[in-house]
Amino acid sequence: MAKDKTQYTCNECGGSSPKWLGKCPHCNAWNTLVESVAESTAPSKNRFASLAKTAEVTTLADIDATDVQRTPTGHDELDRVLGGGIVEGGVVLIGGDPGIGKSTLLLQALDSLQRAGLKTLYVTGEESGAQVALRSRRLGLEGSQVSVLAEIQLEKILATLDHVRPGIAVIDSIQTVYSEQLTSAPGSVAQVRECAAHLTRAA
């Protein structure tokens, strides 16, 4: 199967270029080209096929609108924000100022879920495993069995998720993750968008 290639797409007109240019060759707009991954022309499985199954057209009245089962995190305020808990296959992006406590909250939630019997995985790209372990001890999470992976390469993270098959995984943070398919640095718009899309499909 042919490997996807990098291309640059204009935010203004949608035109593409095989290399970065200061000015779009199609609409002449400046600084509008953004790095993306060009789809292979070889016959292959649709990359978005796993996002949703093909369904027939139906009316709203005929759809069984049962409530989605949610798993409480063990933290009432977090569960309230999540609508009652986490949903299987769901993806949640948690944002906030540096040092506000995102990593601390997620580590505590993972520990609660792990103690409740759910298989968990904490992927850390900003800290080493030892630093995460020290933080867990400061939080009083003695003997925590949360699995930890210190990795920032998307392909290795996806391979680990496929092998470990956790019930819930935390990627801390998406801004540190990069894909080998793109040449831009971690944290760039193209990297965050592509990595988030791949992780969403994996979920």
C-alpha atoms as a PDB file:
ATOM      1  CA  MET A   1       0.000   0.000   0.000  1.00  0.00           C
ATOM      2  CA  ALA A   2       1.371   3.416  -0.957  1.00  0.00           C
ATOM      3  CA  LYS A   3       2.308   5.701   1.938  1.00  0.00           C
ATOM      4  CA  ASP A   4       0.430   8.958   2.385  1.00  0.00           C
ATOM      5  CA  LYS A   5       2.405  12.047   1.360  1.00  0.00           C
ATOM      6  CA  THR A   6       2.558  15.502   2.871  1.00  0.00           C
ATOM      7  CA  GLN A   7       0.850  18.347   1.008  1.00  0.00           C
ATOM      8  CA  TYR A   8      -0.066  21.939   1.822  1.00  0.00           C
ATOM      9  CA  THR A   9      -3.661  23.143   1.562  1.00  0.00           C
ATOM     10  CA  CYS A  10      -4.833  26.746   1.334  1.00  0.00           C
ATOM     11  CA  ASN A  11      -7.253  27.871   4.061  1.00  0.00           C
ATOM     12  CA  GLU A  12      -8.760  30.440   1.705  1.00  0.00           C
ATOM     13  CA  CYS A  13      -9.460  28.634  -1.584  1.00  0.00           C
ATOM     14  CA  GLY A  14      -8.776  24.981  -0.726  1.00  0.00           C
ATOM     15  CA  GLY A  15      -6.052  24.692  -3.356  1.00  0.00           C
ATOM     16  CA  SER A  16      -3.065  22.459  -2.677  1.00  0.00           C
ATOM     17  CA  SER A  17       0.675  22.531  -3.238  1.00  0.00           C
ATOM     18  CA  PRO A  18       3.311  19.774  -2.851  1.00  0.00           C
ATOM     19  CA  LYS A  19       5.564  22.191  -0.930  1.00  0.00           C
ATOM     20  CA  TRP A  20       5.119  25.154   1.385  1.00  0.00           C
ATOM     21  CA  LEU A  21       4.948  28.558  -0.274  1.00  0.00           C
ATOM     22  CA  GLY A  22       4.495  32.008   1.225  1.00  0.00           C
ATOM     23  CA  LYS A  23       1.756  32.778  -1.287  1.00  0.00           C
ATOM     24  CA  CYS A  24      -0.961  30.397  -2.497  1.00  0.00           C
ATOM     25  CA  PRO A  25      -0.372  29.664  -6.219  1.00  0.00           C
ATOM     26  CA  HIS A  26      -4.138  29.470  -6.807  1.00  0.00           C
ATOM     27  CA  CYS A  27      -5.649  32.538  -5.087  1.00  0.00           C
ATOM     28  CA  ASN A  28      -2.448  34.511  -4.339  1.00  0.00           C
ATOM     29  CA  ALA A  29      -3.320  34.845  -0.643  1.00  0.00           C
ATOM     30  CA  TRP A  30      -0.341  35.146   1.699  1.00  0.00           C
ATOM     31  CA  ASN A  31       0.490  32.705   4.562  1.00  0.00           C
ATOM     32  CA  THR A  32      -2.609  30.524   4.079  1.00  0.00           C
ATOM     33  CA  LEU A  33      -0.978  27.151   3.285  1.00  0.00           C
ATOM     34  CA  VAL A  34      -1.294  24.576   6.085  1.00  0.00           C
ATOM     35  CA  GLU A  35       0.445  21.205   6.174  1.00  0.00           C
ATOM     36  CA  SER A  36      -1.785  18.145   5.795  1.00  0.00           C
ATOM     37  CA  VAL A  37      -1.600  14.513   4.696  1.00  0.00           C
ATOM     38  CA  ALA A  38      -2.506  13.755   1.078  1.00  0.00           C
ATOM     39  CA  GLU A  39      -4.538  10.602   0.569  1.00  0.00           C
ATOM     40  CA  SER A  40      -2.912   7.779  -1.373  1.00  0.00           C
ATOM     41  CA  THR A  41      -4.350   7.216  -4.854  1.00  0.00           C
ATOM     42  CA  ALA A  42      -3.877   3.452  -4.567  1.00  0.00           C
ATOM     43  CA  PRO A  43      -7.028   1.423  -3.878  1.00  0.00           C
ATOM     44  CA  SER A  44      -7.314   1.066  -0.129  1.00  0.00           C
ATOM     45  CA  LYS A  45      -9.774   1.037   2.718  1.00  0.00           C
ATOM     46  CA  ASN A  46     -11.456   4.380   3.322  1.00  0.00           C
ATOM     47  CA  ARG A  47      -9.546   6.026   6.191  1.00  0.00           C
ATOM     48  CA  PHE A  48     -12.833   7.311   7.645  1.00  0.00           C
ATOM     49  CA  ALA A  49     -14.663   3.992   7.376  1.00  0.00           C
ATOM     50  CA  SER A  50     -14.224   3.255  11.086  1.00  0.00           C
ATOM     51  CA  LEU A  51     -15.839   6.535  12.182  1.00  0.00           C
ATOM     52  CA  ALA A  52     -19.406   5.431  11.490  1.00  0.00           C
ATOM     53  CA  LYS A  53     -21.186   2.418  10.083  1.00  0.00           C
ATOM     54  CA  THR A  54     -23.389   2.794   7.031  1.00  0.00           C
ATOM     55  CA  ALA A  55     -26.999   3.276   8.117  1.00  0.00           C
ATOM     56  CA  GLU A  56     -30.310   3.518   6.336  1.00  0.00           C
ATOM     57  CA  VAL A  57     -32.382   6.695   6.216  1.00  0.00           C
ATOM     58  CA  THR A  58     -35.011   6.655   8.955  1.00  0.00           C
ATOM     59  CA  THR A  59     -37.313   9.060  10.764  1.00  0.00           C
ATOM     60  CA  LEU A  60     -36.684  10.467  14.233  1.00  0.00           C
ATOM     61  CA  ALA A  61     -39.824   8.750  15.553  1.00  0.00           C
ATOM     62  CA  ASP A  62     -38.465   5.320  14.557  1.00  0.00           C
ATOM     63  CA  ILE A  63     -35.057   5.785  16.222  1.00  0.00           C
ATOM     64  CA  ASP A  64     -34.622   4.092  19.596  1.00  0.00           C
ATOM     65  CA  ALA A  65     -33.330   7.045  21.645  1.00  0.00           C
ATOM     66  CA  THR A  66     -32.113   5.174  24.718  1.00  0.00           C
ATOM     67  CA  ASP A  67     -29.703   7.015  26.988  1.00  0.00           C
ATOM     68  CA  VAL A  68     -26.019   6.136  26.626  1.00  0.00           C
ATOM     69  CA  GLN A  69     -24.510   4.167  29.495  1.00  0.00           C
ATOM     70  CA  ARG A  70     -21.922   6.213  31.385  1.00  0.00           C
ATOM     71  CA  THR A  71     -19.179   5.130  33.770  1.00  0.00           C
ATOM     72  CA  PRO A  72     -18.686   7.480  36.760  1.00  0.00           C
ATOM     73  CA  THR A  73     -15.106   8.653  37.302  1.00  0.00           C
ATOM     74  CA  GLY A  74     -15.457   8.807  41.064  1.00  0.00           C
ATOM     75  CA  HIS A  75     -15.238  12.617  41.061  1.00  0.00           C
ATOM     76  CA  ASP A  76     -18.640  14.282  41.262  1.00  0.00           C
ATOM     77  CA  GLU A  77     -17.636  17.593  39.674  1.00  0.00           C
ATOM     78  CA  LEU A  78     -15.890  15.892  36.744  1.00  0.00           C
ATOM     79  CA  ASP A  79     -18.874  13.570  36.251  1.00  0.00           C
ATOM     80  CA  ARG A  80     -21.172  16.596  36.202  1.00  0.00           C
ATOM     81  CA  VAL A  81     -19.131  18.208  33.408  1.00  0.00           C
ATOM     82  CA  LEU A  82     -19.084  14.905  31.479  1.00  0.00           C
ATOM     83  CA  GLY A  83     -22.851  14.515  31.763  1.00  0.00           C
ATOM     84  CA  GLY A  84     -22.670  11.702  34.308  1.00  0.00           C
ATOM     85  CA  GLY A  85     -19.392   9.977  33.457  1.00  0.00           C
ATOM     86  CA  ILE A  86     -17.330   8.683  30.545  1.00  0.00           C
ATOM     87  CA  VAL A  87     -18.910   7.066  27.484  1.00  0.00           C
ATOM     88  CA  GLU A  88     -17.493   4.043  25.663  1.00  0.00           C
ATOM     89  CA  GLY A  89     -15.857   5.198  22.424  1.00  0.00           C
ATOM     90  CA  GLY A  90     -16.109   8.845  23.435  1.00  0.00           C
ATOM     91  CA  VAL A  91     -13.313  11.404  23.143  1.00  0.00           C
ATOM     92  CA  VAL A  92     -13.054  14.406  25.480  1.00  0.00           C
ATOM     93  CA  LEU A  93     -10.602  17.286  25.100  1.00  0.00           C
ATOM     94  CA  ILE A  94      -9.750  18.940  28.412  1.00  0.00           C
ATOM     95  CA  GLY A  95      -8.176  22.387  28.190  1.00  0.00           C
ATOM     96  CA  GLY A  96      -7.042  25.050  30.618  1.00  0.00           C
ATOM     97  CA  ASP A  97      -4.167  27.266  31.669  1.00  0.00           C
ATOM     98  CA  PRO A  98      -0.811  25.617  32.520  1.00  0.00           C
ATOM     99  CA  GLY A  99      -0.662  24.466  36.132  1.00  0.00           C
ATOM    100  CA  ILE A 100      -4.417  24.609  36.653  1.00  0.00           C
ATOM    101  CA  GLY A 101      -4.538  20.901  37.583  1.00  0.00           C
ATOM    102  CA  LYS A 102      -5.559  19.034  34.411  1.00  0.00           C
ATOM    103  CA  SER A 103      -2.956  16.277  34.804  1.00  0.00           C
ATOM    104  CA  THR A 104      -3.646  15.944  38.533  1.00  0.00           C
ATOM    105  CA  LEU A 105      -7.403  15.618  37.997  1.00  0.00           C
ATOM    106  CA  LEU A 106      -7.000  13.047  35.208  1.00  0.00           C
ATOM    107  CA  LEU A 107      -4.521  10.960  37.199  1.00  0.00           C
ATOM    108  CA  GLN A 108      -6.900  10.893  40.178  1.00  0.00           C
ATOM    109  CA  ALA A 109      -9.807   9.949  37.893  1.00  0.00           C
ATOM    110  CA  LEU A 110      -7.801   7.154  36.250  1.00  0.00           C
ATOM    111  CA  ASP A 111      -6.828   5.767  39.649  1.00  0.00           C
ATOM    112  CA  SER A 112     -10.485   5.742  40.753  1.00  0.00           C
ATOM    113  CA  LEU A 113     -11.549   4.005  37.530  1.00  0.00           C
ATOM    114  CA  GLN A 114      -8.740   1.460  37.835  1.00  0.00           C
ATOM    115  CA  ARG A 115      -9.704   0.658  41.416  1.00  0.00           C
ATOM    116  CA  ALA A 116     -13.288   0.199  40.178  1.00  0.00           C
ATOM    117  CA  GLY A 117     -12.074  -2.524  37.803  1.00  0.00           C
ATOM    118  CA  LEU A 118     -11.563  -0.604  34.529  1.00  0.00           C
ATOM    119  CA  LYS A 119      -8.343  -1.151  32.570  1.00  0.00           C
ATOM    120  CA  THR A 120      -6.562   2.201  32.308  1.00  0.00           C
ATOM    121  CA  LEU A 121      -3.603   3.705  30.458  1.00  0.00           C
ATOM    122  CA  TYR A 122      -1.916   7.076  31.098  1.00  0.00           C
ATOM    123  CA  VAL A 123       0.224   8.248  28.164  1.00  0.00           C
ATOM    124  CA  THR A 124       2.548  11.019  29.277  1.00  0.00           C
ATOM    125  CA  GLY A 125       4.392  13.201  26.806  1.00  0.00           C
ATOM    126  CA  GLU A 126       5.260  16.060  29.121  1.00  0.00           C
ATOM    127  CA  GLU A 127       6.727  14.084  32.030  1.00  0.00           C
ATOM    128  CA  SER A 128       8.693  10.887  32.577  1.00  0.00           C
ATOM    129  CA  GLY A 129       7.126   7.838  34.197  1.00  0.00           C
ATOM    130  CA  ALA A 130       9.094   8.592  37.370  1.00  0.00           C
ATOM    131  CA  GLN A 131       7.656  12.106  37.558  1.00  0.00           C
ATOM    132  CA  VAL A 132       4.120  10.758  37.169  1.00  0.00           C
ATOM    133  CA  ALA A 133       4.801   8.197  39.908  1.00  0.00           C
ATOM    134  CA  LEU A 134       6.094  10.932  42.256  1.00  0.00           C
ATOM    135  CA  ARG A 135       2.985  13.025  41.603  1.00  0.00           C
ATOM    136  CA  SER A 136       0.733  10.049  42.315  1.00  0.00           C
ATOM    137  CA  ARG A 137       2.455   9.539  45.677  1.00  0.00           C
ATOM    138  CA  ARG A 138       2.061  13.229  46.545  1.00  0.00           C
ATOM    139  CA  LEU A 139      -1.653  12.831  45.812  1.00  0.00           C
ATOM    140  CA  GLY A 140      -1.849   9.869  48.181  1.00  0.00           C
ATOM    141  CA  LEU A 141      -2.441   7.312  45.430  1.00  0.00           C
ATOM    142  CA  GLU A 142      -0.265   4.670  47.080  1.00  0.00           C
ATOM    143  CA  GLY A 143      -0.096   1.336  45.257  1.00  0.00           C
ATOM    144  CA  SER A 144      -1.836   2.700  42.158  1.00  0.00           C
ATOM    145  CA  GLN A 145      -2.025   0.125  39.354  1.00  0.00           C
ATOM    146  CA  VAL A 146      -2.611   2.661  36.554  1.00  0.00           C
ATOM    147  CA  SER A 147      -0.473   1.678  33.532  1.00  0.00           C
ATOM    148  CA  VAL A 148       1.880   4.435  32.333  1.00  0.00           C
ATOM    149  CA  LEU A 149       3.511   4.938  28.923  1.00  0.00           C
ATOM    150  CA  ALA A 150       6.010   7.769  28.339  1.00  0.00           C
ATOM    151  CA  GLU A 151       5.755   8.330  24.572  1.00  0.00           C
ATOM    152  CA  ILE A 152       5.082  11.148  22.087  1.00  0.00           C
ATOM    153  CA  GLN A 153       5.132   9.323  18.728  1.00  0.00           C
ATOM    154  CA  LEU A 154       1.580   8.746  17.527  1.00  0.00           C
ATOM    155  CA  GLU A 155       2.272   5.470  15.731  1.00  0.00           C
ATOM    156  CA  LYS A 156       3.796   3.908  18.874  1.00  0.00           C
ATOM    157  CA  ILE A 157       0.903   5.177  21.005  1.00  0.00           C
ATOM    158  CA  LEU A 158      -1.660   3.673  18.616  1.00  0.00           C
ATOM    159  CA  ALA A 159       0.220   0.341  18.585  1.00  0.00           C
ATOM    160  CA  THR A 160       0.207   0.299  22.408  1.00  0.00           C
ATOM    161  CA  LEU A 161      -3.504   1.126  22.548  1.00  0.00           C
ATOM    162  CA  ASP A 162      -4.198  -1.720  20.117  1.00  0.00           C
ATOM    163  CA  HIS A 163      -2.096  -4.135  22.186  1.00  0.00           C
ATOM    164  CA  VAL A 164      -3.180  -3.110  25.704  1.00  0.00           C
ATOM    165  CA  ARG A 165      -6.844  -2.375  24.800  1.00  0.00           C
ATOM    166  CA  PRO A 166      -7.556  -0.123  27.819  1.00  0.00           C
ATOM    167  CA  GLY A 167     -11.096   0.750  28.847  1.00  0.00           C
ATOM    168  CA  ILE A 168      -9.959   4.384  29.130  1.00  0.00           C
ATOM    169  CA  ALA A 169      -6.776   6.140  28.044  1.00  0.00           C
ATOM    170  CA  VAL A 170      -5.467   9.629  28.793  1.00  0.00           C
ATOM    171  CA  ILE A 171      -3.079  11.363  26.370  1.00  0.00           C
ATOM    172  CA  ASP A 172      -1.253  14.095  28.290  1.00  0.00           C
ATOM    173  CA  SER A 173      -1.026  16.087  26.220  1.00  0.00           C
ATOM    174  CA  ILE A 174      -2.088  16.134  22.560  1.00  0.00           C
ATOM    175  CA  GLN A 175       0.263  19.086  21.969  1.00  0.00           C
ATOM    176  CA  THR A 176       3.317  16.892  22.596  1.00  0.00           C
ATOM    177  CA  VAL A 177       2.263  14.095  20.227  1.00  0.00           C
ATOM    178  CA  TYR A 178       3.605  13.962  16.668  1.00  0.00           C
ATOM    179  CA  SER A 179       3.067  11.737  13.638  1.00  0.00           C
ATOM    180  CA  GLU A 180       5.883  10.589  11.348  1.00  0.00           C
ATOM    181  CA  GLN A 181       3.596  11.307   8.385  1.00  0.00           C
ATOM    182  CA  LEU A 182       4.058  15.051   8.926  1.00  0.00           C
ATOM    183  CA  THR A 183       7.271  17.048   8.996  1.00  0.00           C
ATOM    184  CA  SER A 184       6.015  19.888  11.208  1.00  0.00           C
ATOM    185  CA  ALA A 185       6.876  20.116  14.906  1.00  0.00           C
ATOM    186  CA  PRO A 186       4.701  18.729  17.730  1.00  0.00           C
ATOM    187  CA  GLY A 187       2.091  21.268  18.783  1.00  0.00           C
ATOM    188  CA  SER A 188       1.613  22.704  15.285  1.00  0.00           C
ATOM    189  CA  VAL A 189      -1.927  22.960  13.911  1.00  0.00           C
ATOM    190  CA  ALA A 190      -1.302  20.186  11.376  1.00  0.00           C
ATOM    191  CA  GLN A 191       0.158  17.793  13.980  1.00  0.00           C
ATOM    192  CA  VAL A 192      -2.564  18.380  16.578  1.00  0.00           C
ATOM    193  CA  ARG A 193      -5.322  18.001  13.981  1.00  0.00           C
ATOM    194  CA  GLU A 194      -3.897  14.819  12.421  1.00  0.00           C
ATOM    195  CA  CYS A 195      -2.984  13.160  15.745  1.00  0.00           C
ATOM    196  CA  ALA A 196      -6.366  13.998  17.275  1.00  0.00           C
ATOM    197  CA  ALA A 197      -8.135  12.543  14.227  1.00  0.00           C
ATOM    198  CA  HIS A 198      -6.168   9.278  14.432  1.00  0.00           C
ATOM    199  CA  LEU A 199      -6.805   8.946  18.180  1.00  0.00           C
ATOM    200  CA  THR A 200     -10.516   9.633  17.658  1.00  0.00           C
ATOM    201  CA  ARG A 201     -10.721   6.870  15.056  1.00  0.00           C
ATOM    202  CA  ALA A 202      -8.865   4.526  17.424  1.00  0.00           C
ATOM    203  CA  ALA A 203     -11.401   5.306  20.175  1.00  0.00           C
END
